[in-house]
Amino acid sequence: MEDAPWPATKDELLDYAMRTGAPLEVIENLQEIEDDEEIYESIEDLWPDYPTKEDFFFDEEEY
């Protein structure tokens, strides 16, 4: 979902998830969002604690 066409509505995100073969759990979670035609600007709007690269203690300089 990180590569979804942001900003997007719930329906657009569902369509993208289904077309790209997202796991069933992702599709079910999107379906549970209240359908109020809100436009989401990024994945953080849906998942506030979405892990970023900084959350993974990977030191690119080591490789």
PDB file of N, CA and C in Angstrom:
ATOM      1  N   MET A   1       0.821  -1.198   0.000  1.00  0.00           N
ATOM      2  CA  MET A   1       0.000   0.000   0.000  1.00  0.00           C
ATOM      3  C   MET A   1       0.867   1.264   0.000  1.00  0.00           C
ATOM      4  N   GLU A   2       2.120   1.090   0.295  1.00  0.00           N
ATOM      5  CA  GLU A   2       3.023   2.221   0.305  1.00  0.00           C
ATOM      6  C   GLU A   2       3.073   2.908  -1.063  1.00  0.00           C
ATOM      7  N   ASP A   3       2.950   2.127  -2.131  1.00  0.00           N
ATOM      8  CA  ASP A   3       3.039   2.653  -3.486  1.00  0.00           C
ATOM      9  C   ASP A   3       1.689   3.015  -4.082  1.00  0.00           C
ATOM     10  N   ALA A   4       0.659   3.022  -3.281  1.00  0.00           N
ATOM     11  CA  ALA A   4      -0.681   3.363  -3.770  1.00  0.00           C
ATOM     12  C   ALA A   4      -0.682   4.788  -4.316  1.00  0.00           C
ATOM     13  N   PRO A   5      -1.606   5.097  -5.199  1.00  0.00           N
ATOM     14  CA  PRO A   5      -1.664   6.444  -5.786  1.00  0.00           C
ATOM     15  C   PRO A   5      -2.251   7.460  -4.804  1.00  0.00           C
ATOM     16  N   TRP A   6      -1.420   7.956  -3.916  1.00  0.00           N
ATOM     17  CA  TRP A   6      -1.862   8.924  -2.908  1.00  0.00           C
ATOM     18  C   TRP A   6      -1.999  10.292  -3.541  1.00  0.00           C
ATOM     19  N   PRO A   7      -2.906  11.130  -3.099  1.00  0.00           N
ATOM     20  CA  PRO A   7      -4.020  10.905  -2.180  1.00  0.00           C
ATOM     21  C   PRO A   7      -5.074  10.004  -2.823  1.00  0.00           C
ATOM     22  N   ALA A   8      -5.832   9.320  -1.963  1.00  0.00           N
ATOM     23  CA  ALA A   8      -6.805   8.357  -2.460  1.00  0.00           C
ATOM     24  C   ALA A   8      -7.972   8.212  -1.492  1.00  0.00           C
ATOM     25  N   THR A   9      -9.103   7.811  -2.044  1.00  0.00           N
ATOM     26  CA  THR A   9     -10.276   7.512  -1.222  1.00  0.00           C
ATOM     27  C   THR A   9     -10.243   6.035  -0.850  1.00  0.00           C
ATOM     28  N   LYS A  10     -11.139   5.633   0.009  1.00  0.00           N
ATOM     29  CA  LYS A  10     -11.245   4.236   0.412  1.00  0.00           C
ATOM     30  C   LYS A  10     -11.449   3.335  -0.807  1.00  0.00           C
ATOM     31  N   ASP A  11     -12.350   3.715  -1.700  1.00  0.00           N
ATOM     32  CA  ASP A  11     -12.630   2.900  -2.883  1.00  0.00           C
ATOM     33  C   ASP A  11     -11.406   2.776  -3.786  1.00  0.00           C
ATOM     34  N   GLU A  12     -10.668   3.850  -3.943  1.00  0.00           N
ATOM     35  CA  GLU A  12      -9.463   3.809  -4.766  1.00  0.00           C
ATOM     36  C   GLU A  12      -8.413   2.897  -4.145  1.00  0.00           C
ATOM     37  N   LEU A  13      -8.291   2.950  -2.829  1.00  0.00           N
ATOM     38  CA  LEU A  13      -7.325   2.094  -2.140  1.00  0.00           C
ATOM     39  C   LEU A  13      -7.725   0.626  -2.234  1.00  0.00           C
ATOM     40  N   LEU A  14      -9.020   0.349  -2.096  1.00  0.00           N
ATOM     41  CA  LEU A  14      -9.498  -1.028  -2.253  1.00  0.00           C
ATOM     42  C   LEU A  14      -9.219  -1.549  -3.652  1.00  0.00           C
ATOM     43  N   ASP A  15      -9.488  -0.738  -4.646  1.00  0.00           N
ATOM     44  CA  ASP A  15      -9.236  -1.125  -6.027  1.00  0.00           C
ATOM     45  C   ASP A  15      -7.748  -1.410  -6.234  1.00  0.00           C
ATOM     46  N   TYR A  16      -6.902  -0.545  -5.734  1.00  0.00           N
ATOM     47  CA  TYR A  16      -5.467  -0.728  -5.876  1.00  0.00           C
ATOM     48  C   TYR A  16      -5.009  -2.005  -5.164  1.00  0.00           C
ATOM     49  N   ALA A  17      -5.506  -2.221  -3.961  1.00  0.00           N
ATOM     50  CA  ALA A  17      -5.117  -3.416  -3.196  1.00  0.00           C
ATOM     51  C   ALA A  17      -5.512  -4.690  -3.929  1.00  0.00           C
ATOM     52  N   MET A  18      -6.688  -4.727  -4.501  1.00  0.00           N
ATOM     53  CA  MET A  18      -7.138  -5.920  -5.214  1.00  0.00           C
ATOM     54  C   MET A  18      -6.333  -6.133  -6.503  1.00  0.00           C
ATOM     55  N   ARG A  19      -6.058  -5.053  -7.228  1.00  0.00           N
ATOM     56  CA  ARG A  19      -5.318  -5.180  -8.490  1.00  0.00           C
ATOM     57  C   ARG A  19      -3.875  -5.611  -8.278  1.00  0.00           C
ATOM     58  N   THR A  20      -3.294  -5.221  -7.154  1.00  0.00           N
ATOM     59  CA  THR A  20      -1.886  -5.532  -6.912  1.00  0.00           C
ATOM     60  C   THR A  20      -1.683  -6.803  -6.098  1.00  0.00           C
ATOM     61  N   GLY A  21      -2.779  -7.473  -5.744  1.00  0.00           N
ATOM     62  CA  GLY A  21      -2.658  -8.737  -5.026  1.00  0.00           C
ATOM     63  C   GLY A  21      -2.279  -8.586  -3.565  1.00  0.00           C
ATOM     64  N   ALA A  22      -2.785  -7.556  -2.931  1.00  0.00           N
ATOM     65  CA  ALA A  22      -2.514  -7.356  -1.507  1.00  0.00           C
ATOM     66  C   ALA A  22      -3.091  -8.522  -0.706  1.00  0.00           C
ATOM     67  N   PRO A  23      -2.506  -8.825   0.441  1.00  0.00           N
ATOM     68  CA  PRO A  23      -3.042  -9.897   1.281  1.00  0.00           C
ATOM     69  C   PRO A  23      -4.499  -9.645   1.663  1.00  0.00           C
ATOM     70  N   LEU A  24      -5.229 -10.712   1.862  1.00  0.00           N
ATOM     71  CA  LEU A  24      -6.646 -10.627   2.211  1.00  0.00           C
ATOM     72  C   LEU A  24      -6.868  -9.764   3.454  1.00  0.00           C
ATOM     73  N   GLU A  25      -5.963  -9.830   4.406  1.00  0.00           N
ATOM     74  CA  GLU A  25      -6.095  -9.042   5.637  1.00  0.00           C
ATOM     75  C   GLU A  25      -6.094  -7.542   5.334  1.00  0.00           C
ATOM     76  N   VAL A  26      -5.276  -7.124   4.378  1.00  0.00           N
ATOM     77  CA  VAL A  26      -5.217  -5.706   4.008  1.00  0.00           C
ATOM     78  C   VAL A  26      -6.545  -5.278   3.401  1.00  0.00           C
ATOM     79  N   ILE A  27      -7.068  -6.092   2.504  1.00  0.00           N
ATOM     80  CA  ILE A  27      -8.347  -5.781   1.860  1.00  0.00           C
ATOM     81  C   ILE A  27      -9.470  -5.735   2.893  1.00  0.00           C
ATOM     82  N   GLU A  28      -9.489  -6.697   3.816  1.00  0.00           N
ATOM     83  CA  GLU A  28     -10.519  -6.704   4.862  1.00  0.00           C
ATOM     84  C   GLU A  28     -10.416  -5.465   5.735  1.00  0.00           C
ATOM     85  N   ASN A  29      -9.197  -5.058   6.079  1.00  0.00           N
ATOM     86  CA  ASN A  29      -9.024  -3.858   6.908  1.00  0.00           C
ATOM     87  C   ASN A  29      -9.492  -2.608   6.175  1.00  0.00           C
ATOM     88  N   LEU A  30      -9.222  -2.530   4.889  1.00  0.00           N
ATOM     89  CA  LEU A  30      -9.690  -1.377   4.112  1.00  0.00           C
ATOM     90  C   LEU A  30     -11.209  -1.351   4.033  1.00  0.00           C
ATOM     91  N   GLN A  31     -11.831  -2.525   3.908  1.00  0.00           N
ATOM     92  CA  GLN A  31     -13.287  -2.593   3.839  1.00  0.00           C
ATOM     93  C   GLN A  31     -13.941  -2.139   5.143  1.00  0.00           C
ATOM     94  N   GLU A  32     -13.235  -2.283   6.250  1.00  0.00           N
ATOM     95  CA  GLU A  32     -13.785  -1.897   7.551  1.00  0.00           C
ATOM     96  C   GLU A  32     -13.735  -0.394   7.815  1.00  0.00           C
ATOM     97  N   ILE A  33     -13.022   0.346   6.979  1.00  0.00           N
ATOM     98  CA  ILE A  33     -12.970   1.801   7.144  1.00  0.00           C
ATOM     99  C   ILE A  33     -14.357   2.356   6.872  1.00  0.00           C
ATOM    100  N   GLU A  34     -14.802   3.272   7.733  1.00  0.00           N
ATOM    101  CA  GLU A  34     -16.106   3.891   7.521  1.00  0.00           C
ATOM    102  C   GLU A  34     -16.092   4.646   6.208  1.00  0.00           C
ATOM    103  N   ASP A  35     -17.093   4.413   5.404  1.00  0.00           N
ATOM    104  CA  ASP A  35     -17.146   5.004   4.075  1.00  0.00           C
ATOM    105  C   ASP A  35     -17.691   6.420   4.139  1.00  0.00           C
ATOM    106  N   ASP A  36     -16.798   7.352   4.355  1.00  0.00           N
ATOM    107  CA  ASP A  36     -17.238   8.741   4.448  1.00  0.00           C
ATOM    108  C   ASP A  36     -16.602   9.600   3.358  1.00  0.00           C
ATOM    109  N   GLU A  37     -16.063   8.955   2.318  1.00  0.00           N
ATOM    110  CA  GLU A  37     -15.444   9.633   1.180  1.00  0.00           C
ATOM    111  C   GLU A  37     -14.278  10.523   1.590  1.00  0.00           C
ATOM    112  N   GLU A  38     -13.678  10.221   2.730  1.00  0.00           N
ATOM    113  CA  GLU A  38     -12.489  10.957   3.153  1.00  0.00           C
ATOM    114  C   GLU A  38     -11.348  10.655   2.190  1.00  0.00           C
ATOM    115  N   ILE A  39     -10.536  11.654   1.940  1.00  0.00           N
ATOM    116  CA  ILE A  39      -9.372  11.467   1.089  1.00  0.00           C
ATOM    117  C   ILE A  39      -8.153  11.329   1.989  1.00  0.00           C
ATOM    118  N   TYR A  40      -7.438  10.219   1.811  1.00  0.00           N
ATOM    119  CA  TYR A  40      -6.253   9.937   2.610  1.00  0.00           C
ATOM    120  C   TYR A  40      -5.026  10.392   1.838  1.00  0.00           C
ATOM    121  N   GLU A  41      -4.182  11.155   2.501  1.00  0.00           N
ATOM    122  CA  GLU A  41      -3.010  11.736   1.852  1.00  0.00           C
ATOM    123  C   GLU A  41      -1.826  10.775   1.789  1.00  0.00           C
ATOM    124  N   SER A  42      -1.743   9.852   2.742  1.00  0.00           N
ATOM    125  CA  SER A  42      -0.623   8.917   2.768  1.00  0.00           C
ATOM    126  C   SER A  42      -1.007   7.712   3.629  1.00  0.00           C
ATOM    127  N   ILE A  43      -0.139   6.726   3.636  1.00  0.00           N
ATOM    128  CA  ILE A  43      -0.416   5.522   4.417  1.00  0.00           C
ATOM    129  C   ILE A  43      -0.471   5.846   5.913  1.00  0.00           C
ATOM    130  N   GLU A  44       0.231   6.889   6.336  1.00  0.00           N
ATOM    131  CA  GLU A  44       0.209   7.268   7.752  1.00  0.00           C
ATOM    132  C   GLU A  44      -1.177   7.727   8.206  1.00  0.00           C
ATOM    133  N   ASP A  45      -2.017   8.195   7.276  1.00  0.00           N
ATOM    134  CA  ASP A  45      -3.386   8.568   7.627  1.00  0.00           C
ATOM    135  C   ASP A  45      -4.197   7.348   8.045  1.00  0.00           C
ATOM    136  N   LEU A  46      -3.873   6.197   7.471  1.00  0.00           N
ATOM    137  CA  LEU A  46      -4.579   4.958   7.799  1.00  0.00           C
ATOM    138  C   LEU A  46      -3.888   4.197   8.914  1.00  0.00           C
ATOM    139  N   TRP A  47      -2.565   4.259   8.944  1.00  0.00           N
ATOM    140  CA  TRP A  47      -1.754   3.495   9.881  1.00  0.00           C
ATOM    141  C   TRP A  47      -0.740   4.454  10.495  1.00  0.00           C
ATOM    142  N   PRO A  48      -1.139   5.180  11.561  1.00  0.00           N
ATOM    143  CA  PRO A  48      -0.286   6.232  12.126  1.00  0.00           C
ATOM    144  C   PRO A  48       1.107   5.768  12.548  1.00  0.00           C
ATOM    145  N   ASP A  49       1.249   4.529  12.969  1.00  0.00           N
ATOM    146  CA  ASP A  49       2.570   4.055  13.394  1.00  0.00           C
ATOM    147  C   ASP A  49       3.223   3.164  12.332  1.00  0.00           C
ATOM    148  N   TYR A  50       2.950   3.477  11.058  1.00  0.00           N
ATOM    149  CA  TYR A  50       3.532   2.723   9.948  1.00  0.00           C
ATOM    150  C   TYR A  50       5.052   2.745  10.059  1.00  0.00           C
ATOM    151  N   PRO A  51       5.681   1.579  10.023  1.00  0.00           N
ATOM    152  CA  PRO A  51       7.145   1.543  10.168  1.00  0.00           C
ATOM    153  C   PRO A  51       7.857   2.163   8.971  1.00  0.00           C
ATOM    154  N   THR A  52       8.852   2.953   9.268  1.00  0.00           N
ATOM    155  CA  THR A  52       9.661   3.575   8.220  1.00  0.00           C
ATOM    156  C   THR A  52      11.028   2.913   8.189  1.00  0.00           C
ATOM    157  N   LYS A  53      11.849   3.307   7.236  1.00  0.00           N
ATOM    158  CA  LYS A  53      13.195   2.741   7.145  1.00  0.00           C
ATOM    159  C   LYS A  53      13.977   2.972   8.430  1.00  0.00           C
ATOM    160  N   GLU A  54      13.728   4.094   9.093  1.00  0.00           N
ATOM    161  CA  GLU A  54      14.439   4.404  10.327  1.00  0.00           C
ATOM    162  C   GLU A  54      14.076   3.440  11.449  1.00  0.00           C
ATOM    163  N   ASP A  55      12.913   2.802  11.345  1.00  0.00           N
ATOM    164  CA  ASP A  55      12.482   1.868  12.370  1.00  0.00           C
ATOM    165  C   ASP A  55      13.246   0.544  12.303  1.00  0.00           C
ATOM    166  N   PHE A  56      13.863   0.282  11.174  1.00  0.00           N
ATOM    167  CA  PHE A  56      14.649  -0.935  11.011  1.00  0.00           C
ATOM    168  C   PHE A  56      16.114  -0.534  11.131  1.00  0.00           C
ATOM    169  N   PHE A  57      16.768  -1.016  12.096  1.00  0.00           N
ATOM    170  CA  PHE A  57      18.137  -0.595  12.399  1.00  0.00           C
ATOM    171  C   PHE A  57      19.119  -1.217  11.407  1.00  0.00           C
ATOM    172  N   PHE A  58      18.962  -0.848  10.153  1.00  0.00           N
ATOM    173  CA  PHE A  58      19.781  -1.365   9.073  1.00  0.00           C
ATOM    174  C   PHE A  58      20.782  -0.296   8.674  1.00  0.00           C
ATOM    175  N   ASP A  59      22.037  -0.609   8.800  1.00  0.00           N
ATOM    176  CA  ASP A  59      23.089   0.342   8.472  1.00  0.00           C
ATOM    177  C   ASP A  59      23.562   0.062   7.052  1.00  0.00           C
ATOM    178  N   GLU A  60      23.136   0.894   6.087  1.00  0.00           N
ATOM    179  CA  GLU A  60      23.487   0.696   4.683  1.00  0.00           C
ATOM    180  C   GLU A  60      24.994   0.833   4.450  1.00  0.00           C
ATOM    181  N   GLU A  61      25.687   1.541   5.303  1.00  0.00           N
ATOM    182  CA  GLU A  61      27.125   1.723   5.120  1.00  0.00           C
ATOM    183  C   GLU A  61      27.909   0.442   5.361  1.00  0.00           C
ATOM    184  N   GLU A  62      27.304  -0.522   6.046  1.00  0.00           N
ATOM    185  CA  GLU A  62      27.989  -1.783   6.323  1.00  0.00           C
ATOM    186  C   GLU A  62      28.077  -2.665   5.091  1.00  0.00           C
ATOM    187  N   TYR A  63      27.292  -2.356   4.077  1.00  0.00           N
ATOM    188  CA  TYR A  63      27.247  -3.231   2.901  1.00  0.00           C
ATOM    189  C   TYR A  63      27.721  -2.546   1.656  1.00  0.00           C
TER     190      TYR A  63
END
